[in-house]
Amino acid sequence: MATKRTYSWDQIKKDNPIFSQIRTTIETPFYGNNVVDVNSLKEAYKLAKNSPGTIVTDIPVYKPGKLGLDEDAKVLLFNDGAVKGRCAAARRIIGEPNVDQEEYATKIREAVYNTRYRKMYHAQAYVGLDADFMVKAHLLIPEGFENIMYSWLLNFQYLNEEYNNLYEKSKVIENEGDIYIFSDPDWAHEDHPLGLTFFDPTHNCAALLGMRYFGEHKKGTLTLGWGTANRHGYAACHGGQKRYNLSNGDKFVAGVFGLSGSGKSTITHAKHNDKYDITVLHDDAFIISTENSSSVALEPSYFDKTQDYPMDNDDNKFLITVQNNGVTIDNDGKIVLVTEDIRNGNGRAVKSKLWSPNRENKFAEPVNAIFWLMKDPTLPPIMKLDGASLASVMGATLATKRTSAERLAEGVDPNALVVEPYANPFRTYPLADDYNKFKQLFSDNDVDCYILNTGFFMGKKVTPAITLGSLEAIIEGTAKFVPWAPFSDIEIMEIEGFIPDMKDSEYVDQLKARMIDRVNFVKSTETDKGGFNKLPAEALEALQKIVNELK
C-alpha cells in the first residue's frame, strides 16, 4: 500500500477524509518560502556535520556507500543537554477525552507562525520497507536541528531510486494521506513545561514541540505508521522478529515483545553460538498481517542503547549517529566515544542495517510464535498460554519496570511495576484494536503464545542462558511443558531452581496479587479516558478465571 500526497481540485474539499483542521495546520508550513528541501542523505549529512554543537568523531562510518553516504563519512555525535529520553506526559491525542482540538490547533498555528523568520528543512522518508506496506513521511524542522533530521532519514528509509520504484508499484489507499510532522525543539509554553507531542492519528499528522530528543521524532513517526497499519488489517508490533532457518528445511518465525531493557533486542540479535541460520526482520518496529500472518519491517536501521557497548566493542563499527554520549582522545589523537552511560543514562545511537548480516524487509512465512517479555517476579522463566483470549489479554497486561529511556512526570515512581499493553506506549487508537488483532492471530492463524520472564523470579535472576535455552528448545521441538496446577490454561517448562512452589502461601499470595493487578488494570480501562481503551468482557473473564483458580 502507498499513501496519497496530491489531489485533483474536486478532491480538495471539506468532506475528503484525509483533511482535518490539525492536518491542514501542520501541512501548510511545508510550502513556506523559508523552507529548504533536503533531497539526499549526503546533503543531510553535510548539514548535520556543520550544525553548531556537532562533534565529528574520527570514527569512520562502516561501508558508507551501502548506506547512501560518501566514503569519508564519520560518526556524528550530538548531545541534548538535560533531556535524554522520551516524555509520555507530553503526549496529547485527538480522540481522547479532554483533548480540545481548537485549543491545540491554536497552539500549533502560533508555533508555526513563530518559525517564519527561521530556515526550515523538509525531509522525506518511507515508513515500511515492502510494497505491501509503505507510507511516505515528511518532517519539517528548524535550522540548528540538522542532526535530528539526519538521524531521522537514517532511521527510516530515505528516498532513493530502489525504494521510489517500490513505492510506485504499491497500491495507493485513497483515504490515507502521507505522514506530516512539524517539529520545533526550541518551542516553550507555560501550559506544557515538558513540551508537547500532539497527534491527529486518523489524519496522519503530528506536532512535536519543545522536543530535542531524537527518540521523540522516531517514535512519533512510528506512532502514525503503526496507526495506519492498524486501520488496514495489521497488528502493530513494538518488538523484534527473527526467522530460524533450520537444517531440515523448516522455518520458525518468532516475535518478541517488550519495552526497553526487557531483552527484546538481545533476543532478536542473539546468534545462539551460531547453531542456526538466522534472518532478522527488525528489533523494534514491524507489523503482522492478520490475513496471512506475514510481517513487514518499518525501519532499516536500529536505534540502540550504548550502555553495553564500550569503545572496544566490535558492534560499534556499525554506528552512524550517536546521541547523549561523551568523547575523549585515544592514544592516536583520534576523537572517539565515551559510552556505557558514563556521561548520562540512556545514551543512544543509530546503527546501520549492516549490524544484522542477514536482514529481510518482509517475512512471507507466517509467524509461528509470539513471546511476551515480562519482568514480573512472580512468573517462572517460561509459560505457554492456551486460549486466544488469555494469550491476548496477557499481552494487554504486559508487566515490566520503567527504564532510563523515559522522562517521567514529577511524583511518578521509576521503580514501580507497570503495565504497558503489548509493550507499546505509542498507541493512538483504542486498545481493543490490538487485543482483537492479536487474539485473531492466536485463534484463527494458529500462532502459539508464550511468556518469558527476563527479570527475576522470586529474587533469583533469570539469566540470558535460561531464556535463550528455553527458546531453543521450542524452536527445535524438544520443549517439555507440563500443566501448571491449579491453572487450566497455563503450562510451564520446569527449570531447576525456578519451579513455582504452590505450597508456599507467601508466594501464592504474591502471584495472586500480581494477577489481581492485571484484573484491576483491565477494569480501569472501562473508565479511564472515558473508556477509550475499554477491553471486551472476555478479556476480564480470562484473567478472573486465573485469580479464581488460585483460591
Protein backbone atom coordinates (compact mmCIF):
# COMPACT_ATOMS: atom_id res chain seq x y z
CA MET A 1 0.00 0.00 0.00
CA ALA A 2 1.02 3.60 -0.52
CA THR A 3 -0.33 6.89 0.79
CA LYS A 4 -1.60 9.95 -1.05
CA ARG A 5 0.03 13.39 -1.32
CA THR A 6 -1.56 15.17 -4.29
CA TYR A 7 -5.19 15.73 -5.23
CA SER A 8 -7.36 16.87 -8.08
CA TRP A 9 -9.21 20.11 -7.34
CA ASP A 10 -12.51 18.31 -6.94
CA GLN A 11 -10.93 16.22 -4.13
CA ILE A 12 -9.81 19.25 -2.12
CA LYS A 13 -12.98 19.58 -0.12
CA LYS A 14 -14.16 19.50 3.45
CA ASP A 15 -15.70 16.05 3.04
CA ASN A 16 -12.39 14.47 1.99
CA PRO A 17 -11.49 12.24 4.99
CA ILE A 18 -7.77 12.94 4.53
CA PHE A 19 -8.15 16.59 5.52
CA SER A 20 -8.71 17.96 9.01
CA GLN A 21 -8.10 21.19 10.92
CA ILE A 22 -4.91 19.86 12.53
CA ARG A 23 -3.56 18.23 9.36
CA THR A 24 -4.06 21.37 7.30
CA THR A 25 -2.43 23.47 10.03
CA ILE A 26 0.60 21.15 10.10
CA GLU A 27 0.98 20.59 6.35
CA THR A 28 0.68 24.24 5.30
CA PRO A 29 4.11 25.48 6.55
CA PHE A 30 5.87 22.79 4.49
CA TYR A 31 5.33 25.10 1.47
CA GLY A 32 6.66 28.31 3.02
CA ASN A 33 9.34 30.41 1.30
CA ASN A 34 11.60 29.77 4.30
CA VAL A 35 11.64 26.01 3.63
CA VAL A 36 14.61 24.21 2.09
CA ASP A 37 14.06 20.72 0.68
CA VAL A 38 16.76 18.24 1.68
CA ASN A 39 16.80 15.80 -1.21
CA SER A 40 19.53 13.32 -0.31
CA LEU A 41 21.13 11.61 2.64
CA LYS A 42 24.51 13.01 1.64
CA GLU A 43 23.13 16.54 1.83
CA ALA A 44 21.63 15.82 5.25
CA TYR A 45 25.00 14.50 6.46
CA LYS A 46 26.78 17.68 5.43
CA LEU A 47 24.16 19.83 7.14
CA ALA A 48 24.42 17.79 10.35
CA LYS A 49 28.22 17.78 10.26
CA ASN A 50 28.29 21.57 10.07
CA SER A 51 25.49 22.20 12.57
CA PRO A 52 26.66 24.12 15.68
CA GLY A 53 27.45 21.76 18.54
CA THR A 54 28.00 18.67 16.41
CA ILE A 55 31.05 16.59 17.32
CA VAL A 56 32.57 14.97 14.26
CA THR A 57 34.38 11.92 15.60
CA ASP A 58 37.30 10.23 13.91
CA ILE A 59 35.31 7.01 13.69
CA PRO A 60 34.57 6.17 10.05
CA VAL A 61 31.09 5.02 9.06
CA TYR A 62 31.29 1.34 8.10
CA LYS A 63 30.70 0.72 4.37
CA PRO A 64 29.15 4.15 3.85
CA GLY A 65 28.48 3.54 0.17
CA LYS A 66 25.98 0.83 1.05
CA LEU A 67 24.13 3.32 3.23
CA GLY A 68 23.99 6.14 0.67
CA LEU A 69 26.86 8.18 2.17
CA ASP A 70 30.19 9.41 0.84
CA GLU A 71 33.26 7.30 1.56
CA ASP A 72 34.72 9.83 4.02
CA ALA A 73 31.61 9.93 6.25
CA LYS A 74 32.31 9.93 10.00
CA VAL A 75 30.18 9.06 13.02
CA LEU A 76 28.48 12.22 14.31
CA LEU A 77 27.66 12.90 17.97
CA PHE A 78 25.09 15.42 19.21
CA ASN A 79 24.03 15.89 22.83
CA ASP A 80 20.70 17.24 24.07
CA GLY A 81 21.57 18.92 27.36
CA ALA A 82 19.39 17.87 30.28
CA VAL A 83 17.00 15.94 28.05
CA LYS A 84 17.90 12.30 27.46
CA GLY A 85 14.65 10.41 26.98
CA ARG A 86 11.05 10.37 25.81
CA CYS A 87 8.24 12.01 27.77
CA ALA A 88 4.91 10.21 27.81
CA ALA A 89 3.37 13.00 29.92
CA ALA A 90 3.74 15.41 26.97
CA ARG A 91 1.53 13.36 24.62
CA ARG A 92 -1.91 14.59 23.58
CA ILE A 93 -4.04 12.65 21.10
CA ILE A 94 -7.13 13.78 19.21
CA GLY A 95 -9.99 11.46 20.11
CA GLU A 96 -9.03 11.03 23.75
CA PRO A 97 -11.15 12.73 26.42
CA ASN A 98 -10.38 16.32 27.40
CA VAL A 99 -8.33 16.99 24.27
CA ASP A 100 -9.79 20.17 22.81
CA GLN A 101 -8.99 20.31 19.09
CA GLU A 102 -9.48 24.07 18.83
CA GLU A 103 -7.15 24.72 21.79
CA TYR A 104 -4.33 22.71 20.28
CA ALA A 105 -4.94 23.93 16.73
CA THR A 106 -4.43 27.44 18.07
CA LYS A 107 -1.21 26.48 19.84
CA ILE A 108 0.13 24.77 16.74
CA ARG A 109 -0.77 27.73 14.50
CA GLU A 110 1.17 30.01 16.85
CA ALA A 111 4.12 27.60 16.89
CA VAL A 112 4.15 27.63 13.07
CA TYR A 113 3.94 31.43 12.99
CA ASN A 114 6.92 31.76 15.30
CA THR A 115 9.15 29.85 12.86
CA ARG A 116 8.60 32.30 9.99
CA TYR A 117 11.97 34.01 10.41
CA ARG A 118 13.85 30.73 10.65
CA LYS A 119 15.14 28.48 7.92
CA MET A 120 13.16 25.24 7.94
CA TYR A 121 14.28 21.92 6.46
CA HIS A 122 11.90 19.49 4.76
CA ALA A 123 12.97 15.84 4.65
CA GLN A 124 11.11 12.81 3.30
CA ALA A 125 11.32 9.10 4.10
CA TYR A 126 9.36 5.87 3.83
CA VAL A 127 7.90 4.03 6.82
CA GLY A 128 7.55 0.39 5.79
CA LEU A 129 10.04 -1.44 3.59
CA ASP A 130 7.90 -3.62 1.33
CA ALA A 131 5.33 -2.86 -1.35
CA ASP A 132 2.73 -4.48 0.93
CA PHE A 133 3.06 -1.52 3.29
CA MET A 134 4.82 1.78 2.64
CA VAL A 135 3.84 5.18 4.00
CA LYS A 136 5.60 8.35 2.85
CA ALA A 137 6.54 10.63 5.75
CA HIS A 138 7.54 14.32 5.78
CA LEU A 139 9.47 16.12 8.52
CA LEU A 140 9.73 19.92 8.87
CA ILE A 141 12.33 21.07 11.39
CA PRO A 142 14.23 24.33 12.02
CA GLU A 143 17.82 25.11 11.20
CA GLY A 144 20.02 24.12 14.14
CA PHE A 145 18.48 20.65 14.46
CA GLU A 146 20.06 19.09 11.41
CA ASN A 147 21.26 16.12 13.48
CA ILE A 148 17.67 15.14 14.29
CA MET A 149 16.80 15.32 10.60
CA TYR A 150 19.87 13.29 9.58
CA SER A 151 19.16 10.59 12.18
CA TRP A 152 15.50 10.53 11.10
CA LEU A 153 16.50 9.90 7.48
CA LEU A 154 18.88 7.15 8.61
CA ASN A 155 16.37 5.53 10.94
CA PHE A 156 13.66 5.33 8.31
CA GLN A 157 14.21 4.74 4.60
CA TYR A 158 15.42 7.85 2.82
CA LEU A 159 14.13 8.28 -0.72
CA ASN A 160 16.25 6.63 -3.40
CA GLU A 161 15.67 5.00 -6.76
CA GLU A 162 15.17 1.49 -5.38
CA TYR A 163 12.52 2.44 -2.86
CA ASN A 164 10.92 5.06 -5.10
CA ASN A 165 10.32 2.31 -7.67
CA LEU A 166 8.95 0.00 -4.97
CA TYR A 167 6.64 2.72 -3.74
CA GLU A 168 5.38 3.41 -7.25
CA LYS A 169 4.37 -0.24 -7.55
CA SER A 170 2.39 -0.10 -4.30
CA LYS A 171 -1.37 0.31 -4.37
CA VAL A 172 -2.46 3.79 -3.29
CA ILE A 173 -5.01 3.79 -0.47
CA GLU A 174 -7.34 6.63 -1.42
CA ASN A 175 -8.25 7.72 2.11
CA GLU A 176 -4.74 7.61 3.60
CA GLY A 177 -2.59 10.70 3.28
CA ASP A 178 1.17 10.97 3.73
CA ILE A 179 2.50 11.49 7.25
CA TYR A 180 3.34 15.13 8.12
CA ILE A 181 5.36 16.03 11.21
CA PHE A 182 6.08 19.62 12.25
CA SER A 183 8.86 19.97 14.81
CA ASP A 184 10.23 22.93 16.75
CA PRO A 185 12.54 21.70 19.55
CA ASP A 186 13.01 25.28 20.80
CA TRP A 187 9.27 25.78 21.46
CA ALA A 188 8.21 26.59 25.02
CA HIS A 189 4.81 27.14 26.59
CA GLU A 190 3.74 27.65 30.18
CA ASP A 191 0.95 25.07 29.78
CA HIS A 192 3.47 22.44 28.69
CA PRO A 193 6.66 22.60 30.77
CA LEU A 194 7.76 19.17 29.44
CA GLY A 195 6.91 20.06 25.85
CA LEU A 196 4.05 18.85 23.66
CA THR A 197 3.76 15.89 21.30
CA PHE A 198 0.38 16.26 19.62
CA PHE A 199 -1.15 13.65 17.33
CA ASP A 200 -4.09 13.62 14.97
CA PRO A 201 -3.65 9.93 14.18
CA THR A 202 -6.51 9.32 11.77
CA HIS A 203 -5.18 12.16 9.63
CA ASN A 204 -1.52 11.07 9.84
CA CYS A 205 -0.01 14.19 11.33
CA ALA A 206 1.78 15.34 14.48
CA ALA A 207 3.37 18.41 16.05
CA LEU A 208 6.48 17.77 18.15
CA LEU A 209 7.05 20.93 20.16
CA GLY A 210 9.82 21.53 22.68
CA MET A 211 11.29 18.08 21.97
CA ARG A 212 15.05 17.92 21.44
CA TYR A 213 15.37 14.16 21.82
CA PHE A 214 15.64 12.24 18.56
CA GLY A 215 13.66 9.36 20.06
CA GLU A 216 10.55 11.56 20.14
CA HIS A 217 10.85 12.00 16.37
CA LYS A 218 11.47 8.32 15.75
CA LYS A 219 8.60 7.11 17.92
CA GLY A 220 6.33 9.97 16.83
CA THR A 221 6.71 8.86 13.23
CA LEU A 222 6.25 5.20 14.13
CA THR A 223 3.14 6.11 16.13
CA LEU A 224 1.48 7.32 12.94
CA GLY A 225 2.84 4.44 10.85
CA TRP A 226 1.51 1.89 13.33
CA GLY A 227 -1.85 3.66 13.37
CA THR A 228 -2.07 3.45 9.59
CA ALA A 229 -1.22 -0.25 9.72
CA ASN A 230 -3.89 -0.82 12.35
CA ARG A 231 -6.52 0.64 10.05
CA HIS A 232 -5.56 -1.75 7.26
CA GLY A 233 -5.51 -5.23 8.78
CA TYR A 234 -2.14 -5.30 10.52
CA ALA A 235 -1.20 -5.81 14.15
CA ALA A 236 1.20 -3.05 15.23
CA CYS A 237 4.31 -4.53 16.83
CA HIS A 238 6.77 -2.78 19.15
CA GLY A 239 9.17 -5.70 19.33
CA GLY A 240 11.62 -7.82 17.43
CA GLN A 241 11.18 -10.64 14.96
CA LYS A 242 13.58 -13.24 13.60
CA ARG A 243 13.34 -16.36 11.47
CA TYR A 244 15.21 -19.56 12.26
CA ASN A 245 16.07 -21.36 9.04
CA LEU A 246 16.53 -24.91 10.31
CA SER A 247 18.77 -27.55 8.75
CA ASN A 248 15.81 -29.82 7.94
CA GLY A 249 14.29 -27.11 5.77
CA ASP A 250 11.75 -25.94 8.33
CA LYS A 251 11.43 -22.30 9.26
CA PHE A 252 10.37 -20.89 12.62
CA VAL A 253 9.34 -17.24 12.89
CA ALA A 254 9.39 -15.79 16.42
CA GLY A 255 8.14 -12.37 17.54
CA VAL A 256 9.30 -10.96 20.89
CA PHE A 257 7.58 -8.02 22.57
CA GLY A 258 8.97 -5.94 25.40
CA LEU A 259 9.89 -2.44 26.47
CA SER A 260 13.40 -1.01 26.59
CA GLY A 261 15.56 -3.15 28.86
CA SER A 262 13.37 -6.25 28.61
CA GLY A 263 15.79 -8.09 26.35
CA LYS A 264 13.91 -7.86 23.05
CA SER A 265 16.95 -6.58 21.14
CA THR A 266 19.23 -9.12 22.82
CA ILE A 267 16.91 -11.99 21.90
CA THR A 268 16.33 -10.68 18.37
CA HIS A 269 20.04 -10.40 17.62
CA ALA A 270 21.16 -13.48 19.58
CA LYS A 271 23.26 -15.79 17.40
CA HIS A 272 22.85 -18.85 19.67
CA ASN A 273 26.56 -19.65 19.27
CA ASP A 274 25.94 -19.96 15.52
CA LYS A 275 23.75 -23.03 16.00
CA TYR A 276 21.20 -21.73 13.50
CA ASP A 277 20.94 -19.88 10.23
CA ILE A 278 19.07 -16.76 11.38
CA THR A 279 17.35 -13.98 9.45
CA VAL A 280 16.30 -10.80 11.25
CA LEU A 281 13.27 -8.69 10.29
CA HIS A 282 13.79 -5.93 12.88
CA ASP A 283 14.36 -5.48 16.61
CA ASP A 284 11.91 -2.65 17.34
CA ALA A 285 9.21 -1.91 14.76
CA PHE A 286 7.23 -4.17 12.44
CA ILE A 287 3.68 -5.20 11.61
CA ILE A 288 1.93 -8.57 11.21
CA SER A 289 -0.88 -9.16 8.73
CA THR A 290 -3.99 -10.63 10.33
CA GLU A 291 -4.89 -12.03 6.91
CA ASN A 292 -1.86 -14.28 6.33
CA SER A 293 0.50 -13.66 9.30
CA SER A 294 3.23 -12.26 7.06
CA SER A 295 5.36 -9.47 8.55
CA VAL A 296 6.88 -6.21 7.27
CA ALA A 297 9.69 -4.20 8.87
CA LEU A 298 9.03 -0.47 9.24
CA GLU A 299 12.67 0.72 9.55
CA PRO A 300 16.00 -0.30 8.05
CA SER A 301 18.25 0.88 10.90
CA TYR A 302 18.42 0.37 14.66
CA PHE A 303 18.14 2.88 17.49
CA ASP A 304 20.11 1.16 20.22
CA LYS A 305 21.40 1.92 23.68
CA THR A 306 25.15 2.45 24.02
CA GLN A 307 25.18 1.36 27.67
CA ASP A 308 26.51 -2.13 26.92
CA TYR A 309 29.00 -1.18 24.21
CA PRO A 310 32.38 0.13 25.43
CA MET A 311 34.60 1.73 22.80
CA ASP A 312 36.44 -1.54 22.04
CA ASN A 313 33.23 -3.48 21.32
CA ASP A 314 33.15 -4.69 17.72
CA ASP A 315 29.48 -3.75 17.30
CA ASN A 316 30.42 -0.07 17.48
CA LYS A 317 31.67 -0.24 13.91
CA PHE A 318 28.01 -0.08 12.84
CA LEU A 319 27.36 3.30 14.50
CA ILE A 320 26.23 6.15 12.24
CA THR A 321 24.98 8.81 14.65
CA VAL A 322 25.25 8.98 18.44
CA GLN A 323 23.19 10.91 20.98
CA ASN A 324 23.90 11.85 24.59
CA ASN A 325 27.33 10.28 24.96
CA GLY A 326 30.79 11.57 25.77
CA VAL A 327 34.03 11.80 23.80
CA THR A 328 37.74 11.71 24.57
CA ILE A 329 41.05 11.38 22.73
CA ASP A 330 42.65 7.97 22.17
CA ASN A 331 46.38 7.23 22.04
CA ASP A 332 46.48 8.07 18.34
CA GLY A 333 45.00 11.52 18.92
CA LYS A 334 41.63 10.50 17.50
CA ILE A 335 38.28 11.76 18.79
CA VAL A 336 36.42 8.67 20.00
CA LEU A 337 33.34 7.90 22.09
CA VAL A 338 32.89 7.50 25.83
CA THR A 339 29.86 5.19 26.07
CA GLU A 340 28.42 2.91 28.80
CA ASP A 341 26.23 5.74 30.12
CA ILE A 342 29.20 7.35 31.88
CA ARG A 343 28.00 10.84 30.86
CA ASN A 344 24.29 10.19 31.48
CA GLY A 345 21.70 7.46 31.33
CA ASN A 346 20.06 6.29 28.11
CA GLY A 347 22.90 7.11 25.75
CA ARG A 348 21.76 6.16 22.26
CA ALA A 349 22.95 5.56 18.71
CA VAL A 350 21.56 4.89 15.27
CA LYS A 351 23.18 1.70 13.97
CA SER A 352 23.16 0.75 10.33
CA LYS A 353 21.18 -2.08 8.81
CA LEU A 354 24.52 -3.88 8.32
CA TRP A 355 24.55 -4.71 12.05
CA SER A 356 22.43 -7.76 11.17
CA PRO A 357 24.27 -9.61 8.41
CA ASN A 358 21.09 -11.43 7.39
CA ARG A 359 18.22 -8.97 7.08
CA GLU A 360 14.97 -9.17 5.17
CA ASN A 361 12.32 -6.48 4.97
CA LYS A 362 9.42 -8.92 4.75
CA PHE A 363 8.76 -12.40 6.11
CA ALA A 364 6.25 -14.07 3.80
CA GLU A 365 6.28 -17.06 6.14
CA PRO A 366 3.59 -16.85 8.85
CA VAL A 367 4.71 -16.09 12.38
CA ASN A 368 4.83 -19.28 14.48
CA ALA A 369 5.01 -17.89 18.00
CA ILE A 370 4.71 -14.66 19.94
CA PHE A 371 6.64 -14.17 23.17
CA TRP A 372 5.56 -11.55 25.72
CA LEU A 373 8.65 -10.41 27.65
CA MET A 374 7.82 -9.54 31.24
CA LYS A 375 9.65 -8.50 34.37
CA ASP A 376 7.17 -9.86 36.90
CA PRO A 377 8.96 -11.55 39.84
CA THR A 378 6.06 -13.97 40.42
CA LEU A 379 6.26 -15.60 36.99
CA PRO A 380 8.54 -18.58 36.18
CA PRO A 381 11.04 -18.17 33.32
CA ILE A 382 8.73 -19.51 30.59
CA MET A 383 5.00 -20.14 30.33
CA LYS A 384 2.80 -21.34 27.48
CA LEU A 385 -0.72 -19.93 27.29
CA ASP A 386 -3.72 -21.83 25.95
CA GLY A 387 -6.73 -19.93 24.65
CA ALA A 388 -6.72 -16.87 22.42
CA SER A 389 -8.41 -14.58 24.95
CA LEU A 390 -5.91 -15.35 27.71
CA ALA A 391 -2.96 -15.08 25.30
CA SER A 392 -4.09 -11.68 24.06
CA VAL A 393 -5.06 -10.21 27.43
CA MET A 394 -1.70 -11.21 28.92
CA GLY A 395 -0.15 -9.11 26.17
CA ALA A 396 -2.59 -6.33 27.04
CA THR A 397 -1.38 -6.51 30.67
CA LEU A 398 2.31 -6.93 29.91
CA ALA A 399 4.16 -6.07 33.13
CA THR A 400 7.63 -4.58 33.30
CA LYS A 401 9.69 -1.92 35.02
CA ARG A 402 10.41 1.53 33.68
CA THR A 403 13.87 2.31 32.34
CA SER A 404 16.06 5.35 31.77
CA ALA A 405 14.60 5.67 28.25
CA GLU A 406 11.67 7.67 29.59
CA ARG A 407 11.37 11.06 31.26
CA LEU A 408 8.76 10.85 34.00
CA ALA A 409 6.45 13.50 35.36
CA GLU A 410 7.12 14.61 38.92
CA GLY A 411 5.86 12.16 41.53
CA VAL A 412 5.94 9.04 39.31
CA ASP A 413 7.84 6.18 40.97
CA PRO A 414 10.50 4.98 38.50
CA ASN A 415 10.83 1.63 40.32
CA ALA A 416 7.15 0.67 40.29
CA LEU A 417 5.99 -2.35 38.31
CA VAL A 418 3.88 -1.01 35.47
CA VAL A 419 1.54 -2.42 32.85
CA GLU A 420 2.28 -1.40 29.28
CA PRO A 421 -0.16 -3.08 26.88
CA TYR A 422 1.66 -5.01 24.17
CA ALA A 423 4.84 -3.17 25.22
CA ASN A 424 3.64 -0.29 23.06
CA PRO A 425 3.21 3.08 24.78
CA PHE A 426 2.80 4.75 21.38
CA ARG A 427 -0.75 3.64 20.57
CA THR A 428 -3.12 6.34 19.33
CA TYR A 429 -6.15 4.11 18.70
CA PRO A 430 -8.34 2.12 21.14
CA LEU A 431 -6.57 -0.71 22.96
CA ALA A 432 -9.31 -3.11 21.89
CA ASP A 433 -7.97 -2.90 18.33
CA ASP A 434 -4.70 -4.50 19.41
CA TYR A 435 -6.49 -7.00 21.65
CA ASN A 436 -8.69 -8.19 18.78
CA LYS A 437 -5.89 -8.36 16.24
CA PHE A 438 -3.57 -10.40 18.46
CA LYS A 439 -6.49 -12.59 19.51
CA GLN A 440 -7.16 -13.25 15.82
CA LEU A 441 -3.53 -14.26 15.31
CA PHE A 442 -3.81 -16.74 18.18
CA SER A 443 -7.26 -18.11 17.31
CA ASP A 444 -7.51 -18.03 13.52
CA ASN A 445 -3.86 -18.05 12.44
CA ASP A 446 -2.63 -20.76 14.85
CA VAL A 447 0.10 -18.63 16.42
CA ASP A 448 1.41 -20.00 19.73
CA CYS A 449 1.84 -17.70 22.73
CA TYR A 450 4.50 -17.76 25.45
CA ILE A 451 5.57 -15.51 28.31
CA LEU A 452 9.27 -15.09 29.03
CA ASN A 453 10.21 -13.58 32.39
CA THR A 454 13.54 -11.89 31.67
CA GLY A 455 13.89 -10.32 35.12
CA PHE A 456 13.91 -12.09 38.48
CA PHE A 457 11.82 -14.97 39.76
CA MET A 458 11.27 -14.51 43.49
CA GLY A 459 14.66 -12.87 43.92
CA LYS A 460 16.59 -15.18 41.59
CA LYS A 461 17.88 -13.79 38.29
CA VAL A 462 16.60 -15.41 35.11
CA THR A 463 19.80 -15.41 33.07
CA PRO A 464 20.01 -14.92 29.31
CA ALA A 465 21.26 -18.52 29.07
CA ILE A 466 17.99 -19.74 30.58
CA THR A 467 15.89 -17.53 28.31
CA LEU A 468 17.74 -18.45 25.13
CA GLY A 469 17.91 -22.13 26.10
CA SER A 470 14.13 -22.20 26.54
CA LEU A 471 13.68 -20.51 23.18
CA GLU A 472 15.99 -23.05 21.50
CA ALA A 473 14.00 -25.96 22.94
CA ILE A 474 10.79 -24.53 21.47
CA ILE A 475 12.38 -23.95 18.07
CA GLU A 476 13.83 -27.47 17.96
CA GLY A 477 10.59 -29.07 19.13
CA THR A 478 12.16 -30.55 22.27
CA ALA A 479 10.48 -28.30 24.84
CA LYS A 480 8.57 -30.20 27.52
CA PHE A 481 5.71 -28.25 29.05
CA VAL A 482 3.67 -29.52 31.96
CA PRO A 483 0.38 -28.20 33.33
CA TRP A 484 0.88 -25.54 36.00
CA ALA A 485 -1.55 -26.52 38.69
CA PRO A 486 -4.04 -25.18 39.56
CA PHE A 487 -4.36 -23.36 36.24
CA SER A 488 -6.30 -24.97 33.41
CA ASP A 489 -4.88 -22.77 30.63
CA ILE A 490 -1.19 -22.35 31.56
CA GLU A 491 1.74 -24.71 31.13
CA ILE A 492 5.33 -24.19 32.26
CA MET A 493 8.73 -25.59 31.41
CA GLU A 494 10.18 -26.90 34.64
CA ILE A 495 13.66 -25.41 35.09
CA GLU A 496 15.70 -26.39 38.11
CA GLY A 497 15.71 -23.65 40.72
CA PHE A 498 12.77 -21.87 39.09
CA ILE A 499 9.85 -24.22 39.77
CA PRO A 500 6.99 -22.37 41.48
CA ASP A 501 6.23 -23.72 44.95
CA MET A 502 2.45 -23.64 45.03
CA LYS A 503 2.52 -24.83 48.66
CA ASP A 504 4.32 -21.62 49.67
CA SER A 505 1.46 -19.41 50.81
CA GLU A 506 3.60 -16.26 50.66
CA TYR A 507 4.49 -16.94 47.02
CA VAL A 508 0.90 -17.79 46.09
CA ASP A 509 -0.30 -14.59 47.73
CA GLN A 510 2.18 -12.55 45.70
CA LEU A 511 1.27 -14.34 42.48
CA LYS A 512 -2.41 -13.74 43.15
CA ALA A 513 -1.74 -10.08 43.92
CA ARG A 514 0.03 -9.60 40.60
CA MET A 515 -2.81 -11.28 38.74
CA ILE A 516 -5.28 -9.06 40.59
CA ASP A 517 -3.17 -6.10 39.44
CA ARG A 518 -3.89 -7.23 35.89
CA VAL A 519 -7.58 -7.64 36.61
CA ASN A 520 -7.67 -4.14 38.08
CA PHE A 521 -5.88 -2.74 35.07
CA VAL A 522 -8.44 -4.24 32.70
CA LYS A 523 -11.26 -2.93 34.90
CA SER A 524 -9.67 0.52 34.87
CA THR A 525 -9.89 0.67 31.07
CA GLU A 526 -13.67 0.83 31.42
CA THR A 527 -13.49 4.32 32.92
CA ASP A 528 -10.01 5.77 32.26
CA LYS A 529 -10.01 8.25 29.38
CA GLY A 530 -13.76 7.91 29.19
CA GLY A 531 -13.49 4.22 28.32
CA PHE A 532 -11.39 4.94 25.21
CA ASN A 533 -9.31 1.78 25.87
CA LYS A 534 -12.05 -0.49 27.22
CA LEU A 535 -11.42 -4.16 26.50
CA PRO A 536 -14.07 -6.78 25.68
CA ALA A 537 -15.67 -8.57 28.64
CA GLU A 538 -13.96 -11.84 27.66
CA ALA A 539 -10.55 -10.30 28.42
CA LEU A 540 -11.50 -9.66 32.03
CA GLU A 541 -13.10 -13.09 32.29
CA ALA A 542 -9.89 -14.82 31.17
CA LEU A 543 -7.89 -13.07 33.90
CA GLN A 544 -10.55 -13.51 36.55
CA LYS A 545 -10.50 -17.24 35.84
CA ILE A 546 -6.81 -17.35 36.79
CA VAL A 547 -7.46 -15.47 40.03
CA ASN A 548 -10.36 -17.79 40.87
CA GLU A 549 -8.20 -20.85 40.27
CA LEU A 550 -5.76 -19.58 42.89
CA LYS A 551 -8.44 -19.68 45.61
